[in-house]
Protein backbone atom coordinates (compact mmCIF):
# COMPACT_ATOMS: atom_id res chain seq x y z
CA MET A 1 24.96 0.37 18.52
CA MET A 2 21.42 -1.46 18.76
CA ARG A 3 18.55 0.09 18.81
CA ARG A 4 14.68 -0.03 18.84
CA PRO A 5 12.67 1.78 16.06
CA LYS A 6 10.39 4.84 17.78
CA VAL A 7 8.20 5.28 14.27
CA LEU A 8 6.53 2.84 11.95
CA THR A 9 5.91 4.11 8.72
CA PHE A 10 3.53 2.57 6.29
CA ASP A 11 2.84 1.91 3.01
CA VAL A 12 -0.85 1.35 3.20
CA VAL A 13 -2.48 0.07 -0.24
CA GLY A 14 -1.77 -3.39 -0.76
CA THR A 15 0.21 -3.52 2.68
CA LEU A 16 -2.43 -3.12 5.15
CA ILE A 17 -5.44 -2.56 2.34
CA ASP A 18 -6.51 -5.36 0.16
CA PHE A 19 -6.40 -3.57 -3.14
CA GLU A 20 -6.81 -6.80 -5.32
CA THR A 21 -9.94 -8.16 -3.35
CA GLY A 22 -11.25 -4.85 -3.37
CA MET A 23 -11.13 -4.33 -6.89
CA LYS A 24 -12.23 -7.59 -7.91
CA ASN A 25 -15.17 -7.27 -5.75
CA ALA A 26 -15.86 -4.06 -7.68
CA LEU A 27 -15.51 -5.58 -10.58
CA LEU A 28 -17.92 -8.73 -9.64
CA GLU A 29 -20.25 -6.07 -8.35
CA ILE A 30 -20.28 -4.20 -11.68
CA LEU A 31 -20.35 -7.26 -13.92
CA GLY A 32 -23.42 -8.70 -11.97
CA PRO A 33 -24.04 -12.62 -13.41
CA LYS A 34 -21.26 -12.20 -15.90
CA GLY A 35 -18.75 -11.77 -13.12
CA GLY A 36 -18.27 -15.52 -13.41
CA THR A 37 -16.17 -15.03 -16.64
CA LEU A 38 -13.84 -12.71 -15.42
CA ASP A 39 -10.00 -13.75 -15.52
CA PHE A 40 -9.15 -11.62 -12.50
CA GLU A 41 -5.28 -12.38 -12.21
CA ALA A 42 -5.26 -11.51 -16.27
CA PHE A 43 -6.85 -8.32 -15.10
CA LEU A 44 -4.16 -7.82 -13.03
CA THR A 45 -1.51 -8.13 -15.65
CA GLU A 46 -2.98 -5.65 -17.58
CA TYR A 47 -3.73 -3.37 -14.63
CA ARG A 48 -0.13 -3.60 -13.65
CA ALA A 49 1.36 -2.59 -17.28
CA LEU A 50 -0.98 0.66 -17.00
CA ARG A 51 -0.38 1.71 -13.33
CA ASN A 52 3.02 3.63 -14.17
CA ARG A 53 2.34 5.47 -17.13
CA PRO A 54 3.94 9.01 -17.28
CA GLY A 55 1.17 11.51 -17.24
CA LYS A 56 -1.51 9.37 -15.59
CA LEU A 57 -4.06 10.42 -13.06
CA LEU A 58 -3.35 10.12 -9.28
CA PHE A 59 -4.23 6.97 -7.70
CA PRO A 60 -7.03 5.82 -6.99
CA GLU A 61 -8.49 8.11 -9.69
CA ASP A 62 -6.33 6.38 -12.48
CA LEU A 63 -8.44 3.72 -12.02
CA ALA A 64 -11.04 5.24 -14.06
CA PRO A 65 -9.01 5.44 -17.39
CA ILE A 66 -7.35 2.07 -16.88
CA TYR A 67 -11.09 0.43 -16.52
CA LEU A 68 -11.86 2.21 -19.68
CA GLN A 69 -8.88 1.07 -21.47
CA LEU A 70 -9.52 -2.61 -20.20
CA ALA A 71 -12.99 -2.69 -20.60
CA GLY A 72 -13.28 -4.46 -24.04
CA LYS A 73 -11.05 -7.01 -23.51
CA PHE A 74 -12.47 -8.27 -20.45
CA ASP A 75 -16.26 -7.22 -21.65
CA LEU A 76 -16.61 -5.04 -18.90
CA PRO A 77 -19.80 -2.51 -19.47
CA THR A 78 -19.48 1.03 -19.74
CA GLY A 79 -21.62 4.00 -20.52
CA ASN A 80 -23.10 4.55 -16.95
CA GLY A 81 -20.34 5.45 -15.00
CA GLU A 82 -19.20 2.09 -14.20
CA GLU A 83 -15.59 3.56 -13.97
CA LYS A 84 -16.62 6.19 -11.44
CA THR A 85 -17.98 3.48 -9.34
CA PHE A 86 -14.80 1.43 -9.90
CA VAL A 87 -12.51 4.20 -8.43
CA GLU A 88 -15.45 5.21 -5.71
CA SER A 89 -14.81 1.38 -4.23
CA ALA A 90 -11.27 2.63 -3.03
CA THR A 91 -12.95 3.83 0.00
CA SER A 92 -14.74 0.44 1.04
CA TRP A 93 -11.81 -1.92 0.17
CA PRO A 94 -11.32 -4.62 2.51
CA ALA A 95 -8.53 -4.66 5.09
CA PHE A 96 -6.27 -8.04 5.05
CA ASP A 97 -7.59 -10.18 7.70
CA ASP A 98 -4.67 -9.68 10.17
CA SER A 99 -4.31 -5.70 9.47
CA VAL A 100 -6.71 -4.43 12.30
CA ASP A 101 -5.12 -6.30 14.97
CA ALA A 102 -1.71 -6.24 14.25
CA MET A 103 -2.07 -2.35 13.97
CA LYS A 104 -3.37 -2.29 17.46
CA ARG A 105 -0.83 -4.63 18.65
CA LEU A 106 2.35 -2.51 17.25
CA LYS A 107 0.39 1.04 18.29
CA LYS A 108 1.40 -0.06 22.05
CA HIS A 109 5.31 0.04 20.50
CA PHE A 110 5.55 2.62 18.30
CA HIS A 111 3.96 5.58 16.55
CA LEU A 112 2.42 4.24 13.63
CA VAL A 113 2.70 6.74 10.43
CA ALA A 114 0.72 6.29 7.19
CA MET A 115 2.76 7.20 3.85
CA THR A 116 0.37 6.53 1.33
CA ASN A 117 -0.02 7.26 -2.62
CA ALA A 118 -3.53 7.22 -2.24
CA ARG A 119 -5.59 10.66 -2.11
CA ARG A 120 -6.95 12.08 0.89
CA TRP A 121 -10.68 11.13 -0.21
CA ALA A 122 -9.67 7.42 -0.71
CA PHE A 123 -7.33 7.16 2.52
CA ASP A 124 -9.90 8.43 4.76
CA GLY A 125 -12.02 5.57 3.97
CA MET A 126 -9.02 3.18 4.49
CA ASP A 127 -8.09 4.77 7.79
CA LYS A 128 -11.90 4.34 9.18
CA THR A 129 -11.59 0.10 7.76
CA LEU A 130 -8.11 0.18 9.63
CA ASP A 131 -10.11 1.36 13.15
CA TYR A 132 -7.85 4.75 12.88
CA PRO A 133 -4.35 3.39 13.90
CA PHE A 134 -2.17 6.15 12.68
CA PHE A 135 -0.09 8.81 14.74
CA LYS A 136 -0.22 10.95 12.09
CA GLY A 137 -1.04 10.23 8.13
CA TYR A 138 -0.12 11.40 4.58
CA THR A 139 -1.26 11.28 1.31
CA VAL A 140 -0.26 12.14 -1.82
CA ASN A 141 -2.11 15.59 -1.47
CA ASP A 142 0.29 16.38 1.61
CA SER A 143 3.39 15.05 -0.48
CA GLY A 144 2.29 16.80 -3.88
CA CYS A 145 4.18 13.59 -5.40
CA GLU A 146 4.48 9.39 -5.68
CA LYS A 147 6.54 6.83 -3.90
CA PRO A 148 9.07 6.30 -5.06
CA ASP A 149 9.88 9.63 -5.84
CA PRO A 150 12.24 10.28 -2.78
CA GLN A 151 10.88 13.75 -2.04
CA TYR A 152 7.86 11.82 -0.59
CA PHE A 153 9.93 10.26 1.91
CA THR A 154 11.93 13.85 2.55
CA TYR A 155 8.25 15.43 3.00
CA VAL A 156 7.53 13.06 6.07
CA LEU A 157 10.50 13.47 8.02
CA GLU A 158 10.29 17.19 7.41
CA GLN A 159 6.61 16.56 9.16
CA LEU A 160 8.08 14.57 12.36
CA ALA A 161 10.97 16.58 12.79
CA PRO A 162 9.24 18.72 15.25
CA GLU A 163 8.28 15.56 16.88
CA GLY A 164 12.01 14.70 17.63
CA TYR A 165 12.07 12.19 15.00
CA THR A 166 14.54 11.63 12.63
CA LYS A 167 15.42 8.77 9.75
CA ASN A 168 17.26 6.92 12.38
CA ASP A 169 14.00 6.33 14.35
CA VAL A 170 12.33 4.98 11.37
CA LEU A 171 11.32 1.45 10.17
CA HIS A 172 9.72 1.50 6.84
CA VAL A 173 7.45 -1.62 6.48
CA ALA A 174 5.60 -2.06 2.90
CA GLN A 175 4.39 -4.62 0.57
CA SER A 176 5.72 -2.87 -2.87
CA GLN A 177 9.27 -3.30 -3.91
CA PHE A 178 8.72 -1.15 -6.41
CA HIS A 179 7.19 2.25 -4.66
CA ASP A 180 8.96 1.27 -1.52
CA ILE A 181 11.10 -1.10 -0.40
CA ALA A 182 14.07 -0.38 -3.05
CA ILE A 183 14.10 3.34 -2.60
CA ALA A 184 14.00 3.48 1.15
CA ARG A 185 16.62 1.08 1.42
CA GLU A 186 18.56 3.48 -1.47
CA LEU A 187 17.50 6.42 1.01
CA GLY A 188 19.45 4.72 4.09
CA TYR A 189 16.26 3.39 5.76
CA THR A 190 15.67 0.46 8.00
CA VAL A 191 13.26 -1.47 5.58
CA CYS A 192 10.36 -4.45 6.36
CA TRP A 193 8.92 -6.16 3.18
CA ILE A 194 5.54 -7.24 4.21
CA GLU A 195 5.17 -9.97 1.07
CA ARG A 196 1.36 -10.06 0.73
CA ARG A 197 1.51 -11.97 -2.45
CA LYS A 198 3.21 -15.39 -0.88
CA ALA A 199 -0.13 -16.37 0.34
CA VAL A 200 -1.20 -16.63 -3.26
CA GLY A 201 1.83 -18.03 -4.64
CA GLY A 202 4.08 -15.14 -4.84
CA GLY A 203 4.10 -12.89 -8.14
CA PHE A 204 3.13 -8.83 -8.80
CA GLY A 205 -0.01 -9.05 -8.81
CA GLY A 206 -1.56 -5.59 -9.06
CA THR A 207 1.69 -4.13 -7.83
CA VAL A 208 4.40 -2.84 -10.26
CA ALA A 209 6.97 -5.39 -10.99
CA VAL A 210 10.69 -4.85 -10.44
CA GLN A 211 13.49 -6.79 -12.23
CA LYS A 212 15.30 -7.45 -9.07
CA LEU A 213 14.17 -7.48 -5.67
CA THR A 214 15.80 -5.40 -2.75
CA THR A 215 16.76 -7.41 0.33
CA PRO A 216 15.17 -5.90 3.42
CA ASP A 217 16.33 -5.53 7.29
CA TYR A 218 13.03 -7.64 7.84
CA HIS A 219 10.93 -9.89 5.55
CA TYR A 220 7.87 -11.42 6.96
CA HIS A 221 4.49 -12.41 4.60
CA THR A 222 2.02 -11.30 7.18
CA LEU A 223 1.69 -8.00 9.22
CA ALA A 224 0.90 -10.63 12.17
CA GLU A 225 4.63 -12.05 12.18
CA LEU A 226 6.07 -8.10 12.51
CA ALA A 227 3.47 -7.90 15.43
CA ASP A 228 4.82 -10.96 16.95
CA ALA A 229 8.45 -9.58 16.33
CA ALA A 230 7.62 -6.36 17.84
CA ASP A 231 5.76 -8.16 20.74
CA ARG A 232 8.84 -10.01 21.49
CA GLY A 233 11.20 -7.31 21.34
CA GLU A 234 13.07 -8.43 18.07
CA LEU A 235 12.70 -5.20 16.05
CA VAL A 236 15.98 -3.26 16.18
CA MET A 237 18.43 -0.62 14.21
CA MET A 238 21.59 0.19 13.97
CA GLY A 239 22.52 3.86 14.98
């Protein structure tokens, strides 16, 4: 039996918030006139390699040691709290151009729920940037773990249960194959992959890479395309 989802759960950083542009803007501001020499794609490659190391701090506080580790290679200034500035920039990272409008459109059809690996203090800034679209918002502070830990998904389902929602009501929407798409599909969710990097030639950018892509139920390159599909009544689930 086919039916429409009732809840859309969202990864936030990389799906709704353009963290790559946000980090680049922060680095250029820190570098000042020297910013023209920054090879940002090379920086993203190095950042990606450090992002998922065991024992790291929670996001985005893990940006501080990463900044310091990469400072020598990319001639980044240190000694005046620049790494703290880099971390705190997360509250003002921009939304993708289509995010705010698409979320307003999707909100007409579904309850929207945030599932972010960011700390609450960072998510609060992102939520404001997105014009507060969420019915519920869960952070790593709430779940006690980061995606792709299955416990994160279990936690959110437990929070949604009093509202009468089950996994069969949820469509999970995300950009990251590593943090979201593969594990959500493995756990039996209907999933929608927003392939944000398609616009800049593909690849993984600052997102942890995977050896094999998981085929999603829905695959779009922008959030606007997802909103268009919702407006046309094309989003359905088995169950």
